[in-house]
Amino acid sequence: MARPKETLVPTTPHVDGDEDIGEIRSIVGFHIRLAHGAVYRHFTETFNHIDLTQKQVSVLWLIGDYPDIAQTDLATRMRMDRATTMAIVNRLQDRGFLVRGASLTDRRKQTLNLTEAGQVAMGQAKEAIREHERWLKSRFTDREVETLIEMLTRIHD
């Protein structure tokens, strides 16, 4: 039996009076969750008119940067399992944003490429990402952005 799709609910925005959180204030994971919620909310608002998820945008972007990328290589770069990658690729293909092809070097692999519609969608997504990144990076100096990326990379690598 298929499980119902999980509904993602971003964290509630800050409101006056919620500063007193006690000892939890020193929990790094708590702050990462709050930061993720804020970034997710803004991303969702910024991308509302494009109707693409974060993962879909990342998949389109990688395919655009690496024409003829194998679906398995895409999964590896995205750090996603093959089933999740295939589901995202299927959705994007159904929307006419990408096409599958046969690899010229390895018949076991399928290549992925953007269609013209996929290139248009990616152009719109890149503009929305620039807007989203301006919002996010405006909270930090250039050096702080570099340091933040370095520190977050330590967590997920």
N, C-alpha and C. Protein backbone atom coordinates (compact mmCIF):
# COMPACT_ATOMS: atom_id res chain seq x y z
N MET A 1 0.85 -1.18 0.00
CA MET A 1 0.00 0.00 0.00
C MET A 1 0.89 1.24 0.00
N ALA A 2 0.60 2.19 -0.88
CA ALA A 2 1.41 3.40 -0.99
C ALA A 2 1.16 4.32 0.20
N ARG A 3 2.26 4.90 0.68
CA ARG A 3 2.12 5.85 1.78
C ARG A 3 1.68 7.19 1.22
N PRO A 4 0.86 7.93 1.97
CA PRO A 4 0.47 9.26 1.49
C PRO A 4 1.70 10.17 1.45
N LYS A 5 1.71 11.07 0.47
CA LYS A 5 2.82 11.99 0.32
C LYS A 5 2.88 12.91 1.53
N GLU A 6 4.09 13.10 2.04
CA GLU A 6 4.29 13.95 3.21
C GLU A 6 4.10 15.41 2.82
N THR A 7 3.38 16.14 3.62
CA THR A 7 3.21 17.57 3.41
C THR A 7 4.25 18.29 4.24
N LEU A 8 5.09 19.07 3.56
CA LEU A 8 6.13 19.81 4.27
C LEU A 8 5.57 21.14 4.75
N VAL A 9 5.72 21.40 6.02
CA VAL A 9 5.24 22.64 6.60
C VAL A 9 6.45 23.39 7.14
N PRO A 10 6.76 24.55 6.57
CA PRO A 10 7.90 25.29 7.08
C PRO A 10 7.65 25.77 8.50
N THR A 11 8.72 26.10 9.19
CA THR A 11 8.57 26.56 10.56
C THR A 11 7.83 27.89 10.58
N THR A 12 7.24 28.18 11.71
CA THR A 12 6.49 29.42 11.89
C THR A 12 7.46 30.58 11.99
N PRO A 13 7.17 31.69 11.32
CA PRO A 13 8.06 32.85 11.40
C PRO A 13 8.14 33.42 12.82
N HIS A 14 9.21 34.15 13.07
CA HIS A 14 9.43 34.80 14.36
C HIS A 14 8.29 35.78 14.66
N VAL A 15 7.87 35.79 15.90
CA VAL A 15 6.89 36.77 16.38
C VAL A 15 7.43 37.36 17.67
N ASP A 16 7.05 38.60 17.95
CA ASP A 16 7.49 39.24 19.19
C ASP A 16 7.06 38.41 20.38
N GLY A 17 7.96 38.24 21.31
CA GLY A 17 7.65 37.53 22.54
C GLY A 17 8.11 36.09 22.55
N ASP A 18 8.66 35.60 21.43
CA ASP A 18 9.09 34.19 21.42
C ASP A 18 10.60 34.05 21.64
N GLU A 19 11.25 35.11 22.12
CA GLU A 19 12.70 35.09 22.32
C GLU A 19 13.12 34.21 23.49
N ASP A 20 12.29 34.07 24.50
CA ASP A 20 12.64 33.32 25.70
C ASP A 20 12.43 31.83 25.45
N ILE A 21 13.47 31.17 24.95
CA ILE A 21 13.35 29.75 24.65
C ILE A 21 14.19 28.91 25.58
N GLY A 22 14.77 29.54 26.58
CA GLY A 22 15.50 28.79 27.59
C GLY A 22 16.76 28.13 27.06
N GLU A 23 17.05 26.98 27.63
CA GLU A 23 18.29 26.27 27.34
C GLU A 23 18.41 25.82 25.88
N ILE A 24 17.29 25.67 25.21
CA ILE A 24 17.33 25.22 23.81
C ILE A 24 18.06 26.22 22.91
N ARG A 25 18.19 27.47 23.39
CA ARG A 25 18.90 28.50 22.63
C ARG A 25 20.31 28.07 22.25
N SER A 26 20.93 27.18 23.02
CA SER A 26 22.31 26.76 22.75
C SER A 26 22.39 25.49 21.89
N ILE A 27 21.26 25.01 21.41
CA ILE A 27 21.23 23.79 20.59
C ILE A 27 21.40 24.17 19.12
N VAL A 28 22.54 23.78 18.53
CA VAL A 28 22.85 24.13 17.14
C VAL A 28 21.79 23.60 16.19
N GLY A 29 21.40 22.35 16.36
CA GLY A 29 20.40 21.76 15.47
C GLY A 29 19.09 22.53 15.46
N PHE A 30 18.71 23.08 16.61
CA PHE A 30 17.49 23.88 16.70
C PHE A 30 17.60 25.10 15.79
N HIS A 31 18.74 25.78 15.81
CA HIS A 31 18.94 26.97 14.98
C HIS A 31 19.03 26.61 13.49
N ILE A 32 19.62 25.46 13.20
CA ILE A 32 19.66 25.02 11.80
C ILE A 32 18.24 24.76 11.31
N ARG A 33 17.40 24.14 12.14
CA ARG A 33 16.01 23.91 11.75
C ARG A 33 15.27 25.22 11.51
N LEU A 34 15.46 26.20 12.40
CA LEU A 34 14.80 27.50 12.22
C LEU A 34 15.30 28.20 10.95
N ALA A 35 16.61 28.14 10.73
CA ALA A 35 17.19 28.75 9.53
C ALA A 35 16.66 28.07 8.27
N HIS A 36 16.61 26.73 8.30
CA HIS A 36 16.08 26.00 7.15
C HIS A 36 14.63 26.40 6.88
N GLY A 37 13.84 26.53 7.93
CA GLY A 37 12.44 26.93 7.77
C GLY A 37 12.31 28.29 7.13
N ALA A 38 13.13 29.24 7.57
CA ALA A 38 13.08 30.59 7.01
C ALA A 38 13.50 30.59 5.54
N VAL A 39 14.56 29.86 5.22
CA VAL A 39 15.04 29.79 3.84
C VAL A 39 14.00 29.08 2.97
N TYR A 40 13.42 28.00 3.48
CA TYR A 40 12.42 27.26 2.73
C TYR A 40 11.19 28.13 2.45
N ARG A 41 10.73 28.87 3.46
CA ARG A 41 9.58 29.77 3.27
C ARG A 41 9.85 30.77 2.17
N HIS A 42 11.03 31.42 2.23
CA HIS A 42 11.35 32.43 1.23
C HIS A 42 11.48 31.80 -0.15
N PHE A 43 12.14 30.65 -0.22
CA PHE A 43 12.28 29.95 -1.50
C PHE A 43 10.90 29.66 -2.09
N THR A 44 10.00 29.13 -1.27
CA THR A 44 8.66 28.78 -1.73
C THR A 44 7.93 30.01 -2.25
N GLU A 45 8.04 31.13 -1.54
CA GLU A 45 7.40 32.37 -1.98
C GLU A 45 8.01 32.86 -3.29
N THR A 46 9.32 32.77 -3.40
CA THR A 46 10.03 33.26 -4.58
C THR A 46 9.72 32.40 -5.80
N PHE A 47 9.52 31.11 -5.59
CA PHE A 47 9.31 30.19 -6.70
C PHE A 47 7.84 29.87 -6.96
N ASN A 48 6.95 30.50 -6.25
CA ASN A 48 5.52 30.20 -6.36
C ASN A 48 5.02 30.29 -7.80
N HIS A 49 5.46 31.28 -8.54
CA HIS A 49 4.97 31.49 -9.91
C HIS A 49 5.60 30.52 -10.91
N ILE A 50 6.67 29.82 -10.53
CA ILE A 50 7.36 28.92 -11.44
C ILE A 50 6.85 27.49 -11.30
N ASP A 51 6.33 27.14 -10.16
CA ASP A 51 5.79 25.80 -9.90
C ASP A 51 6.86 24.72 -10.05
N LEU A 52 8.02 24.95 -9.42
CA LEU A 52 9.09 23.96 -9.37
C LEU A 52 9.56 23.84 -7.92
N THR A 53 9.92 22.63 -7.52
CA THR A 53 10.47 22.42 -6.19
C THR A 53 11.98 22.67 -6.20
N GLN A 54 12.56 22.73 -5.00
CA GLN A 54 14.00 22.91 -4.90
C GLN A 54 14.75 21.78 -5.61
N LYS A 55 14.33 20.57 -5.41
CA LYS A 55 15.00 19.43 -6.05
C LYS A 55 14.82 19.46 -7.56
N GLN A 56 13.64 19.83 -8.02
CA GLN A 56 13.42 19.91 -9.47
C GLN A 56 14.33 20.96 -10.10
N VAL A 57 14.46 22.10 -9.44
CA VAL A 57 15.36 23.14 -9.95
C VAL A 57 16.79 22.64 -9.99
N SER A 58 17.22 21.96 -8.93
CA SER A 58 18.58 21.44 -8.88
C SER A 58 18.81 20.43 -9.99
N VAL A 59 17.84 19.57 -10.25
CA VAL A 59 17.96 18.59 -11.33
C VAL A 59 18.06 19.28 -12.68
N LEU A 60 17.19 20.24 -12.93
CA LEU A 60 17.25 20.98 -14.20
C LEU A 60 18.60 21.69 -14.35
N TRP A 61 19.07 22.28 -13.28
CA TRP A 61 20.32 23.03 -13.33
C TRP A 61 21.49 22.10 -13.67
N LEU A 62 21.55 20.96 -13.00
CA LEU A 62 22.64 20.02 -13.27
C LEU A 62 22.57 19.48 -14.70
N ILE A 63 21.37 19.19 -15.18
CA ILE A 63 21.23 18.70 -16.55
C ILE A 63 21.66 19.79 -17.54
N GLY A 64 21.29 21.03 -17.23
CA GLY A 64 21.71 22.14 -18.09
C GLY A 64 23.22 22.33 -18.10
N ASP A 65 23.85 22.16 -16.93
CA ASP A 65 25.31 22.32 -16.83
C ASP A 65 26.06 21.12 -17.40
N TYR A 66 25.43 19.95 -17.38
CA TYR A 66 26.09 18.72 -17.84
C TYR A 66 25.20 17.99 -18.85
N PRO A 67 25.10 18.53 -20.08
CA PRO A 67 24.29 17.84 -21.09
C PRO A 67 24.73 16.39 -21.24
N ASP A 68 23.78 15.53 -21.49
CA ASP A 68 24.01 14.08 -21.64
C ASP A 68 24.43 13.42 -20.33
N ILE A 69 24.17 14.07 -19.19
CA ILE A 69 24.49 13.45 -17.90
C ILE A 69 23.65 12.18 -17.75
N ALA A 70 24.27 11.15 -17.24
CA ALA A 70 23.54 9.91 -16.99
C ALA A 70 22.66 10.09 -15.76
N GLN A 71 21.51 9.46 -15.78
CA GLN A 71 20.58 9.57 -14.66
C GLN A 71 21.24 9.09 -13.37
N THR A 72 22.06 8.05 -13.44
CA THR A 72 22.76 7.55 -12.25
C THR A 72 23.78 8.56 -11.73
N ASP A 73 24.45 9.25 -12.64
CA ASP A 73 25.41 10.29 -12.23
C ASP A 73 24.69 11.48 -11.59
N LEU A 74 23.52 11.79 -12.13
CA LEU A 74 22.70 12.85 -11.56
C LEU A 74 22.33 12.50 -10.12
N ALA A 75 21.90 11.27 -9.89
CA ALA A 75 21.54 10.81 -8.54
C ALA A 75 22.72 10.94 -7.59
N THR A 76 23.90 10.56 -8.06
CA THR A 76 25.10 10.66 -7.23
C THR A 76 25.40 12.10 -6.87
N ARG A 77 25.38 12.98 -7.84
CA ARG A 77 25.68 14.41 -7.58
C ARG A 77 24.64 15.06 -6.67
N MET A 78 23.39 14.62 -6.78
CA MET A 78 22.32 15.18 -5.96
C MET A 78 22.25 14.52 -4.57
N ARG A 79 23.03 13.43 -4.40
CA ARG A 79 23.01 12.68 -3.16
C ARG A 79 21.60 12.18 -2.84
N MET A 80 20.97 11.65 -3.90
CA MET A 80 19.63 11.09 -3.77
C MET A 80 19.67 9.64 -4.25
N ASP A 81 18.74 8.85 -3.74
CA ASP A 81 18.67 7.47 -4.22
C ASP A 81 18.08 7.47 -5.64
N ARG A 82 18.28 6.35 -6.31
CA ARG A 82 17.85 6.25 -7.72
C ARG A 82 16.34 6.39 -7.89
N ALA A 83 15.57 5.84 -6.95
CA ALA A 83 14.11 5.90 -7.06
C ALA A 83 13.61 7.34 -6.98
N THR A 84 14.16 8.11 -6.04
CA THR A 84 13.76 9.52 -5.91
C THR A 84 14.15 10.30 -7.15
N THR A 85 15.36 10.06 -7.62
CA THR A 85 15.83 10.75 -8.82
C THR A 85 14.93 10.42 -10.01
N MET A 86 14.59 9.15 -10.16
CA MET A 86 13.74 8.74 -11.28
C MET A 86 12.37 9.41 -11.19
N ALA A 87 11.82 9.51 -9.98
CA ALA A 87 10.51 10.14 -9.82
C ALA A 87 10.56 11.61 -10.24
N ILE A 88 11.63 12.31 -9.85
CA ILE A 88 11.77 13.72 -10.21
C ILE A 88 11.95 13.85 -11.72
N VAL A 89 12.81 13.01 -12.28
CA VAL A 89 13.05 13.04 -13.73
C VAL A 89 11.76 12.74 -14.48
N ASN A 90 11.00 11.76 -14.02
CA ASN A 90 9.71 11.44 -14.66
C ASN A 90 8.78 12.64 -14.66
N ARG A 91 8.68 13.33 -13.51
CA ARG A 91 7.80 14.51 -13.43
C ARG A 91 8.25 15.60 -14.39
N LEU A 92 9.55 15.83 -14.44
CA LEU A 92 10.07 16.88 -15.33
C LEU A 92 9.90 16.49 -16.80
N GLN A 93 10.05 15.21 -17.10
CA GLN A 93 9.83 14.75 -18.46
C GLN A 93 8.36 14.88 -18.83
N ASP A 94 7.46 14.53 -17.91
CA ASP A 94 6.02 14.66 -18.15
C ASP A 94 5.64 16.11 -18.43
N ARG A 95 6.36 17.04 -17.85
CA ARG A 95 6.08 18.47 -18.06
C ARG A 95 6.77 18.99 -19.32
N GLY A 96 7.54 18.14 -19.99
CA GLY A 96 8.20 18.53 -21.23
C GLY A 96 9.48 19.32 -21.02
N PHE A 97 10.09 19.22 -19.83
CA PHE A 97 11.30 19.99 -19.52
C PHE A 97 12.60 19.25 -19.84
N LEU A 98 12.53 17.93 -19.99
CA LEU A 98 13.74 17.18 -20.31
C LEU A 98 13.39 15.96 -21.13
N VAL A 99 14.41 15.43 -21.78
CA VAL A 99 14.26 14.20 -22.55
C VAL A 99 15.35 13.22 -22.15
N ARG A 100 14.98 11.95 -22.20
CA ARG A 100 15.94 10.87 -21.96
C ARG A 100 16.47 10.40 -23.31
N GLY A 101 17.71 9.94 -23.27
CA GLY A 101 18.30 9.37 -24.48
C GLY A 101 19.22 8.23 -24.11
N ALA A 102 19.69 7.53 -25.11
CA ALA A 102 20.61 6.42 -24.89
C ALA A 102 22.04 6.96 -24.87
N SER A 103 22.83 6.49 -23.92
CA SER A 103 24.22 6.88 -23.82
C SER A 103 25.00 6.30 -25.00
N LEU A 104 25.86 7.08 -25.58
CA LEU A 104 26.70 6.60 -26.68
C LEU A 104 27.87 5.77 -26.17
N THR A 105 28.20 5.92 -24.89
CA THR A 105 29.36 5.21 -24.34
C THR A 105 29.00 4.02 -23.47
N ASP A 106 27.77 3.98 -22.95
CA ASP A 106 27.36 2.89 -22.07
C ASP A 106 25.87 2.64 -22.26
N ARG A 107 25.52 1.60 -22.96
CA ARG A 107 24.12 1.32 -23.31
C ARG A 107 23.23 1.09 -22.09
N ARG A 108 23.83 0.82 -20.93
CA ARG A 108 23.03 0.60 -19.72
C ARG A 108 22.53 1.90 -19.13
N LYS A 109 23.10 3.02 -19.55
CA LYS A 109 22.76 4.32 -18.96
C LYS A 109 21.85 5.13 -19.88
N GLN A 110 21.00 5.93 -19.26
CA GLN A 110 20.18 6.89 -19.98
C GLN A 110 20.77 8.27 -19.77
N THR A 111 20.82 9.05 -20.83
CA THR A 111 21.29 10.42 -20.73
C THR A 111 20.09 11.34 -20.56
N LEU A 112 20.36 12.51 -20.03
CA LEU A 112 19.30 13.50 -19.82
C LEU A 112 19.72 14.82 -20.45
N ASN A 113 18.77 15.48 -21.08
CA ASN A 113 19.01 16.79 -21.67
C ASN A 113 17.76 17.65 -21.52
N LEU A 114 17.98 18.94 -21.42
CA LEU A 114 16.86 19.88 -21.34
C LEU A 114 16.23 20.07 -22.70
N THR A 115 14.93 20.22 -22.71
CA THR A 115 14.21 20.63 -23.91
C THR A 115 14.23 22.15 -23.96
N GLU A 116 13.66 22.70 -25.02
CA GLU A 116 13.55 24.16 -25.09
C GLU A 116 12.71 24.68 -23.92
N ALA A 117 11.62 23.98 -23.61
CA ALA A 117 10.78 24.38 -22.47
C ALA A 117 11.56 24.28 -21.16
N GLY A 118 12.40 23.27 -21.05
CA GLY A 118 13.23 23.11 -19.86
C GLY A 118 14.23 24.24 -19.72
N GLN A 119 14.78 24.68 -20.85
CA GLN A 119 15.72 25.80 -20.82
C GLN A 119 15.02 27.09 -20.40
N VAL A 120 13.79 27.28 -20.87
CA VAL A 120 13.01 28.46 -20.48
C VAL A 120 12.71 28.40 -18.98
N ALA A 121 12.26 27.24 -18.50
CA ALA A 121 11.96 27.07 -17.07
C ALA A 121 13.22 27.31 -16.24
N MET A 122 14.36 26.80 -16.71
CA MET A 122 15.60 26.98 -15.96
C MET A 122 16.00 28.45 -15.93
N GLY A 123 15.79 29.16 -17.02
CA GLY A 123 16.06 30.60 -17.04
C GLY A 123 15.22 31.34 -16.02
N GLN A 124 13.94 31.00 -15.93
CA GLN A 124 13.06 31.62 -14.93
C GLN A 124 13.51 31.24 -13.53
N ALA A 125 13.89 29.98 -13.35
CA ALA A 125 14.33 29.51 -12.04
C ALA A 125 15.61 30.22 -11.62
N LYS A 126 16.54 30.41 -12.54
CA LYS A 126 17.80 31.09 -12.20
C LYS A 126 17.54 32.53 -11.77
N GLU A 127 16.59 33.19 -12.40
CA GLU A 127 16.26 34.55 -11.98
C GLU A 127 15.66 34.54 -10.57
N ALA A 128 14.78 33.60 -10.29
CA ALA A 128 14.19 33.47 -8.95
C ALA A 128 15.28 33.12 -7.93
N ILE A 129 16.23 32.29 -8.31
CA ILE A 129 17.33 31.93 -7.40
C ILE A 129 18.18 33.16 -7.10
N ARG A 130 18.46 33.96 -8.13
CA ARG A 130 19.24 35.19 -7.89
C ARG A 130 18.52 36.09 -6.88
N GLU A 131 17.20 36.20 -7.02
CA GLU A 131 16.41 37.00 -6.07
C GLU A 131 16.48 36.39 -4.67
N HIS A 132 16.31 35.10 -4.59
CA HIS A 132 16.35 34.39 -3.30
C HIS A 132 17.74 34.51 -2.67
N GLU A 133 18.78 34.36 -3.44
CA GLU A 133 20.15 34.46 -2.92
C GLU A 133 20.47 35.89 -2.46
N ARG A 134 19.96 36.90 -3.18
CA ARG A 134 20.15 38.29 -2.73
C ARG A 134 19.54 38.48 -1.34
N TRP A 135 18.32 37.96 -1.17
CA TRP A 135 17.65 38.06 0.13
C TRP A 135 18.47 37.37 1.21
N LEU A 136 18.91 36.15 0.94
CA LEU A 136 19.64 35.37 1.93
C LEU A 136 21.00 35.99 2.24
N LYS A 137 21.76 36.33 1.22
CA LYS A 137 23.11 36.84 1.41
C LYS A 137 23.14 38.26 1.97
N SER A 138 22.01 38.96 1.90
CA SER A 138 21.98 40.33 2.42
C SER A 138 22.15 40.37 3.93
N ARG A 139 22.02 39.23 4.59
CA ARG A 139 22.18 39.15 6.04
C ARG A 139 23.63 38.98 6.47
N PHE A 140 24.53 38.81 5.48
CA PHE A 140 25.93 38.50 5.78
C PHE A 140 26.86 39.33 4.91
N THR A 141 28.11 39.46 5.37
CA THR A 141 29.15 40.03 4.52
C THR A 141 29.59 38.94 3.55
N ASP A 142 30.35 39.33 2.52
CA ASP A 142 30.85 38.34 1.56
C ASP A 142 31.70 37.29 2.27
N ARG A 143 32.53 37.73 3.20
CA ARG A 143 33.38 36.78 3.93
C ARG A 143 32.54 35.85 4.80
N GLU A 144 31.49 36.38 5.42
CA GLU A 144 30.62 35.54 6.24
C GLU A 144 29.90 34.49 5.39
N VAL A 145 29.53 34.86 4.16
CA VAL A 145 28.89 33.89 3.26
C VAL A 145 29.86 32.75 2.97
N GLU A 146 31.11 33.07 2.66
CA GLU A 146 32.12 32.04 2.42
C GLU A 146 32.29 31.14 3.64
N THR A 147 32.37 31.75 4.82
CA THR A 147 32.53 30.99 6.06
C THR A 147 31.31 30.12 6.33
N LEU A 148 30.12 30.66 6.11
CA LEU A 148 28.88 29.91 6.33
C LEU A 148 28.83 28.68 5.42
N ILE A 149 29.16 28.87 4.16
CA ILE A 149 29.16 27.74 3.22
C ILE A 149 30.18 26.70 3.66
N GLU A 150 31.34 27.16 4.08
CA GLU A 150 32.38 26.24 4.56
C GLU A 150 31.88 25.44 5.77
N MET A 151 31.27 26.12 6.73
CA MET A 151 30.80 25.45 7.95
C MET A 151 29.65 24.49 7.66
N LEU A 152 28.71 24.90 6.81
CA LEU A 152 27.59 24.01 6.49
C LEU A 152 28.08 22.78 5.72
N THR A 153 29.08 22.99 4.88
CA THR A 153 29.65 21.86 4.14
C THR A 153 30.25 20.83 5.09
N ARG A 154 30.83 21.28 6.17
CA ARG A 154 31.37 20.34 7.17
C ARG A 154 30.27 19.46 7.74
N ILE A 155 29.08 19.95 7.84
CA ILE A 155 27.97 19.18 8.39
C ILE A 155 27.49 18.14 7.40
N HIS A 156 27.33 18.53 6.14
CA HIS A 156 26.73 17.59 5.18
C HIS A 156 27.71 16.75 4.39
N ASP A 157 29.00 17.01 4.51
CA ASP A 157 29.98 16.15 3.81
C ASP A 157 30.45 15.01 4.66
